[in-house]
Amino acid sequence: MECQECHLRPATLHFTKIVNGQKIEYHLCDQCAKEKGDFMAESNGFSIHDLLSGLLNFEQPLEETMNQHHGALQCPTCGLTYPEFIKIGKFGCEDCYKTFNNKLDPVFRKIHGGNTIHKGKIPKRVGKDISVKRRLKDLKDHLQRLVEKEEFEKAAEVRDEIRSLEDRGDR
């Protein structure tokens, strides 16, 4: 893909900006990104680490978090503390996910538009079956929760929706 500004060099920076529901995509080369000023291609500019650190630390200032080493949440496997994780932007081991889980859910909700699980995108042309299967799985999970809560009328409605989707898939 070529740069949208100069149309001479390949685009190396791909940036999507969403403001008030309007999605704007930028595809720029390093040089045009520097000249434009909104984007910094060099490491001394705004980095993905800065972005993630800001998201992970949205509940309090960095200095305040960094001063909380005493009694800070710490991974039992690798010894990484939550303030250290914020500073470096990387987990030390797989157990860090479990250790810092209660601090990460709000971040995932913010990143994934209210969800804590990223489900990815499905191509519309070839992903129709996948979308139906995913919807069926979600409905079956919902049905199970309704039955456990003994909300049988709502459960019957969900059951009927599941049957309808399954019948459409058999055709």
C-alpha atoms as a PDB file:
ATOM      1  CA  MET A   1       0.000   0.000   0.000  1.00  0.00           C
ATOM      2  CA  GLU A   2       1.385   3.410  -0.865  1.00  0.00           C
ATOM      3  CA  CYS A   3       1.519   6.525   1.291  1.00  0.00           C
ATOM      4  CA  GLN A   4      -1.672   8.607   1.104  1.00  0.00           C
ATOM      5  CA  GLU A   5       0.268  11.876   1.350  1.00  0.00           C
ATOM      6  CA  CYS A   6       3.201  11.645  -1.083  1.00  0.00           C
ATOM      7  CA  HIS A   7       2.114   8.624  -3.180  1.00  0.00           C
ATOM      8  CA  LEU A   8       5.848   7.857  -3.617  1.00  0.00           C
ATOM      9  CA  ARG A   9       6.879   5.580  -0.777  1.00  0.00           C
ATOM     10  CA  PRO A  10       5.221   2.528   0.783  1.00  0.00           C
ATOM     11  CA  ALA A  11       3.028   3.208   3.809  1.00  0.00           C
ATOM     12  CA  THR A  12       4.637   1.889   6.975  1.00  0.00           C
ATOM     13  CA  LEU A  13       2.320   3.520   9.494  1.00  0.00           C
ATOM     14  CA  HIS A  14      -1.324   2.450   9.472  1.00  0.00           C
ATOM     15  CA  PHE A  15      -3.470   4.388  11.897  1.00  0.00           C
ATOM     16  CA  THR A  16      -7.213   4.330  12.483  1.00  0.00           C
ATOM     17  CA  LYS A  17      -8.788   7.306  14.205  1.00  0.00           C
ATOM     18  CA  ILE A  18     -12.378   7.177  15.451  1.00  0.00           C
ATOM     19  CA  VAL A  19     -13.973  10.445  16.499  1.00  0.00           C
ATOM     20  CA  ASN A  20     -17.704  10.678  17.243  1.00  0.00           C
ATOM     21  CA  GLY A  21     -18.296   7.365  15.486  1.00  0.00           C
ATOM     22  CA  GLN A  22     -16.511   8.501  12.292  1.00  0.00           C
ATOM     23  CA  LYS A  23     -13.694   6.130  11.323  1.00  0.00           C
ATOM     24  CA  ILE A  24     -10.733   7.633   9.435  1.00  0.00           C
ATOM     25  CA  GLU A  25      -7.833   5.475   8.275  1.00  0.00           C
ATOM     26  CA  TYR A  26      -4.373   6.863   7.588  1.00  0.00           C
ATOM     27  CA  HIS A  27      -1.660   5.049   5.643  1.00  0.00           C
ATOM     28  CA  LEU A  28       1.580   7.036   5.701  1.00  0.00           C
ATOM     29  CA  CYS A  29       5.276   6.526   5.099  1.00  0.00           C
ATOM     30  CA  ASP A  30       7.728   7.394   7.915  1.00  0.00           C
ATOM     31  CA  GLN A  31       8.729  10.685   6.345  1.00  0.00           C
ATOM     32  CA  CYS A  32       5.182  11.961   5.793  1.00  0.00           C
ATOM     33  CA  ALA A  33       4.187  10.829   9.294  1.00  0.00           C
ATOM     34  CA  LYS A  34       7.003  12.959  10.753  1.00  0.00           C
ATOM     35  CA  GLU A  35       6.071  15.953   8.595  1.00  0.00           C
ATOM     36  CA  LYS A  36       2.370  15.669   9.362  1.00  0.00           C
ATOM     37  CA  GLY A  37       3.145  15.886  13.056  1.00  0.00           C
ATOM     38  CA  ASP A  38       0.114  13.917  14.270  1.00  0.00           C
ATOM     39  CA  PHE A  39       2.095  10.715  14.214  1.00  0.00           C
ATOM     40  CA  MET A  40       5.602  10.081  15.448  1.00  0.00           C
ATOM     41  CA  ALA A  41       7.391   7.240  13.661  1.00  0.00           C
ATOM     42  CA  GLU A  42      10.575   7.433  15.729  1.00  0.00           C
ATOM     43  CA  SER A  43      10.978   5.828  19.121  1.00  0.00           C
ATOM     44  CA  ASN A  44      11.246   9.185  20.909  1.00  0.00           C
ATOM     45  CA  GLY A  45       7.585   9.910  20.072  1.00  0.00           C
ATOM     46  CA  PHE A  46       4.407   8.372  21.389  1.00  0.00           C
ATOM     47  CA  SER A  47       4.782   4.598  21.460  1.00  0.00           C
ATOM     48  CA  ILE A  48       2.450   1.660  21.851  1.00  0.00           C
ATOM     49  CA  HIS A  49       4.023   1.204  25.292  1.00  0.00           C
ATOM     50  CA  ASP A  50       2.871   4.712  26.251  1.00  0.00           C
ATOM     51  CA  LEU A  51      -0.613   3.887  25.049  1.00  0.00           C
ATOM     52  CA  LEU A  52      -0.834   0.622  26.981  1.00  0.00           C
ATOM     53  CA  SER A  53       0.714   2.154  30.077  1.00  0.00           C
ATOM     54  CA  GLY A  54      -1.911   4.867  29.980  1.00  0.00           C
ATOM     55  CA  LEU A  55      -4.720   2.333  29.607  1.00  0.00           C
ATOM     56  CA  LEU A  56      -3.381   0.069  32.321  1.00  0.00           C
ATOM     57  CA  ASN A  57      -2.955   2.957  34.685  1.00  0.00           C
ATOM     58  CA  PHE A  58      -6.137   4.884  34.040  1.00  0.00           C
ATOM     59  CA  GLU A  59      -7.234   4.715  37.673  1.00  0.00           C
ATOM     60  CA  GLN A  60      -4.290   6.649  39.178  1.00  0.00           C
ATOM     61  CA  PRO A  61      -1.220   8.666  38.176  1.00  0.00           C
ATOM     62  CA  LEU A  62       1.961   6.737  37.278  1.00  0.00           C
ATOM     63  CA  GLU A  63       4.058   8.364  40.013  1.00  0.00           C
ATOM     64  CA  GLU A  64       1.524   7.326  42.640  1.00  0.00           C
ATOM     65  CA  THR A  65       1.497   3.735  41.343  1.00  0.00           C
ATOM     66  CA  MET A  66       5.273   3.571  41.170  1.00  0.00           C
ATOM     67  CA  ASN A  67       5.554   4.645  44.818  1.00  0.00           C
ATOM     68  CA  GLN A  68       3.351   1.752  45.942  1.00  0.00           C
ATOM     69  CA  HIS A  69       6.015  -0.975  45.757  1.00  0.00           C
ATOM     70  CA  HIS A  70       5.440  -1.803  49.424  1.00  0.00           C
ATOM     71  CA  GLY A  71       2.473  -4.146  49.532  1.00  0.00           C
ATOM     72  CA  ALA A  72       2.009  -3.999  45.750  1.00  0.00           C
ATOM     73  CA  LEU A  73       0.384  -6.903  43.953  1.00  0.00           C
ATOM     74  CA  GLN A  74       3.190  -9.301  42.957  1.00  0.00           C
ATOM     75  CA  CYS A  75       3.328 -12.378  40.739  1.00  0.00           C
ATOM     76  CA  PRO A  76       4.338 -15.404  42.860  1.00  0.00           C
ATOM     77  CA  THR A  77       6.125 -17.072  39.932  1.00  0.00           C
ATOM     78  CA  CYS A  78       8.337 -14.340  38.449  1.00  0.00           C
ATOM     79  CA  GLY A  79       8.127 -11.678  41.176  1.00  0.00           C
ATOM     80  CA  LEU A  80       6.891  -8.908  38.865  1.00  0.00           C
ATOM     81  CA  THR A  81       4.850  -6.248  40.664  1.00  0.00           C
ATOM     82  CA  TYR A  82       1.925  -4.403  39.136  1.00  0.00           C
ATOM     83  CA  PRO A  83       3.804  -1.048  39.153  1.00  0.00           C
ATOM     84  CA  GLU A  84       6.743  -2.721  37.368  1.00  0.00           C
ATOM     85  CA  PHE A  85       4.335  -4.197  34.822  1.00  0.00           C
ATOM     86  CA  ILE A  86       2.921  -0.725  34.157  1.00  0.00           C
ATOM     87  CA  LYS A  87       6.420   0.674  33.731  1.00  0.00           C
ATOM     88  CA  ILE A  88       7.690  -1.959  31.260  1.00  0.00           C
ATOM     89  CA  GLY A  89       4.352  -2.816  29.613  1.00  0.00           C
ATOM     90  CA  LYS A  90       5.010  -6.575  29.513  1.00  0.00           C
ATOM     91  CA  PHE A  91       4.195  -9.527  31.718  1.00  0.00           C
ATOM     92  CA  GLY A  92       7.036 -11.550  33.188  1.00  0.00           C
ATOM     93  CA  CYS A  93       5.336 -14.938  32.837  1.00  0.00           C
ATOM     94  CA  GLU A  94       2.003 -16.597  32.114  1.00  0.00           C
ATOM     95  CA  ASP A  95       0.966 -16.460  35.786  1.00  0.00           C
ATOM     96  CA  CYS A  96       1.014 -12.645  35.665  1.00  0.00           C
ATOM     97  CA  TYR A  97      -2.310 -12.807  33.798  1.00  0.00           C
ATOM     98  CA  LYS A  98      -3.905 -14.594  36.765  1.00  0.00           C
ATOM     99  CA  THR A  99      -2.171 -12.439  39.373  1.00  0.00           C
ATOM    100  CA  PHE A 100      -3.177  -9.097  37.836  1.00  0.00           C
ATOM    101  CA  ASN A 101      -6.554 -10.306  36.516  1.00  0.00           C
ATOM    102  CA  ASN A 102      -8.708  -8.025  38.701  1.00  0.00           C
ATOM    103  CA  LYS A 103      -6.769  -4.976  37.455  1.00  0.00           C
ATOM    104  CA  LEU A 104      -6.915  -6.067  33.800  1.00  0.00           C
ATOM    105  CA  ASP A 105     -10.664  -6.574  33.366  1.00  0.00           C
ATOM    106  CA  PRO A 106     -11.435  -2.826  33.414  1.00  0.00           C
ATOM    107  CA  VAL A 107      -8.694  -2.296  30.830  1.00  0.00           C
ATOM    108  CA  PHE A 108     -10.036  -5.043  28.550  1.00  0.00           C
ATOM    109  CA  ARG A 109     -13.540  -3.599  28.860  1.00  0.00           C
ATOM    110  CA  LYS A 110     -12.191  -0.217  27.789  1.00  0.00           C
ATOM    111  CA  ILE A 111     -10.224  -1.656  24.858  1.00  0.00           C
ATOM    112  CA  HIS A 112     -12.928  -4.075  23.659  1.00  0.00           C
ATOM    113  CA  GLY A 113     -15.907  -1.748  23.911  1.00  0.00           C
ATOM    114  CA  GLY A 114     -17.369  -3.163  27.113  1.00  0.00           C
ATOM    115  CA  ASN A 115     -16.321  -6.796  26.644  1.00  0.00           C
ATOM    116  CA  THR A 116     -13.594  -8.593  28.544  1.00  0.00           C
ATOM    117  CA  ILE A 117     -13.050 -11.156  25.791  1.00  0.00           C
ATOM    118  CA  HIS A 118     -11.769 -10.337  22.319  1.00  0.00           C
ATOM    119  CA  LYS A 119     -13.676 -12.452  19.798  1.00  0.00           C
ATOM    120  CA  GLY A 120     -12.086 -11.081  16.636  1.00  0.00           C
ATOM    121  CA  LYS A 121     -13.720 -10.212  13.360  1.00  0.00           C
ATOM    122  CA  ILE A 122     -15.311 -12.580  10.881  1.00  0.00           C
ATOM    123  CA  PRO A 123     -15.263 -11.828   7.139  1.00  0.00           C
ATOM    124  CA  LYS A 124     -18.841 -11.198   5.982  1.00  0.00           C
ATOM    125  CA  ARG A 125     -18.565 -13.113   2.697  1.00  0.00           C
ATOM    126  CA  VAL A 126     -17.190 -16.387   4.038  1.00  0.00           C
ATOM    127  CA  GLY A 127     -17.951 -16.129   7.727  1.00  0.00           C
ATOM    128  CA  LYS A 128     -21.720 -16.575   7.751  1.00  0.00           C
ATOM    129  CA  ASP A 129     -21.508 -20.137   9.122  1.00  0.00           C
ATOM    130  CA  ILE A 130     -18.999 -19.074  11.759  1.00  0.00           C
ATOM    131  CA  SER A 131     -21.246 -16.210  12.845  1.00  0.00           C
ATOM    132  CA  VAL A 132     -24.244 -18.545  13.188  1.00  0.00           C
ATOM    133  CA  LYS A 133     -22.203 -21.091  15.176  1.00  0.00           C
ATOM    134  CA  ARG A 134     -20.908 -18.345  17.466  1.00  0.00           C
ATOM    135  CA  ARG A 135     -24.451 -16.986  17.948  1.00  0.00           C
ATOM    136  CA  LEU A 136     -25.717 -20.508  18.737  1.00  0.00           C
ATOM    137  CA  LYS A 137     -22.997 -21.018  21.310  1.00  0.00           C
ATOM    138  CA  ASP A 138     -23.770 -17.665  22.961  1.00  0.00           C
ATOM    139  CA  LEU A 139     -27.496 -18.477  23.011  1.00  0.00           C
ATOM    140  CA  LYS A 140     -26.889 -21.931  24.520  1.00  0.00           C
ATOM    141  CA  ASP A 141     -24.709 -20.391  27.237  1.00  0.00           C
ATOM    142  CA  HIS A 142     -27.431 -17.812  27.904  1.00  0.00           C
ATOM    143  CA  LEU A 143     -30.069 -20.565  28.010  1.00  0.00           C
ATOM    144  CA  GLN A 144     -28.027 -22.468  30.584  1.00  0.00           C
ATOM    145  CA  ARG A 145     -27.744 -19.374  32.804  1.00  0.00           C
ATOM    146  CA  LEU A 146     -31.515 -18.743  32.533  1.00  0.00           C
ATOM    147  CA  VAL A 147     -32.305 -22.342  33.529  1.00  0.00           C
ATOM    148  CA  GLU A 148     -29.934 -22.085  36.513  1.00  0.00           C
ATOM    149  CA  LYS A 149     -31.766 -18.903  37.600  1.00  0.00           C
ATOM    150  CA  GLU A 150     -35.093 -20.705  37.026  1.00  0.00           C
ATOM    151  CA  GLU A 151     -36.261 -18.075  34.537  1.00  0.00           C
ATOM    152  CA  PHE A 152     -38.120 -20.637  32.450  1.00  0.00           C
ATOM    153  CA  GLU A 153     -40.235 -18.268  30.341  1.00  0.00           C
ATOM    154  CA  LYS A 154     -37.172 -16.412  29.058  1.00  0.00           C
ATOM    155  CA  ALA A 155     -35.390 -19.745  28.662  1.00  0.00           C
ATOM    156  CA  ALA A 156     -38.215 -20.989  26.433  1.00  0.00           C
ATOM    157  CA  GLU A 157     -37.852 -17.927  24.201  1.00  0.00           C
ATOM    158  CA  VAL A 158     -34.100 -18.486  23.903  1.00  0.00           C
ATOM    159  CA  ARG A 159     -34.690 -22.204  23.212  1.00  0.00           C
ATOM    160  CA  ASP A 160     -37.064 -21.290  20.382  1.00  0.00           C
ATOM    161  CA  GLU A 161     -34.485 -18.902  18.931  1.00  0.00           C
ATOM    162  CA  ILE A 162     -31.857 -21.661  19.070  1.00  0.00           C
ATOM    163  CA  ARG A 163     -34.195 -24.068  17.263  1.00  0.00           C
ATOM    164  CA  SER A 164     -34.956 -21.461  14.624  1.00  0.00           C
ATOM    165  CA  LEU A 165     -31.243 -20.867  13.952  1.00  0.00           C
ATOM    166  CA  GLU A 166     -30.551 -24.611  13.841  1.00  0.00           C
ATOM    167  CA  ASP A 167     -33.452 -25.174  11.414  1.00  0.00           C
ATOM    168  CA  ARG A 168     -32.124 -22.462   9.078  1.00  0.00           C
ATOM    169  CA  GLY A 169     -28.717 -24.132   9.137  1.00  0.00           C
ATOM    170  CA  ASP A 170     -30.124 -27.524   8.056  1.00  0.00           C
ATOM    171  CA  ARG A 171     -31.505 -26.143   4.769  1.00  0.00           C
END
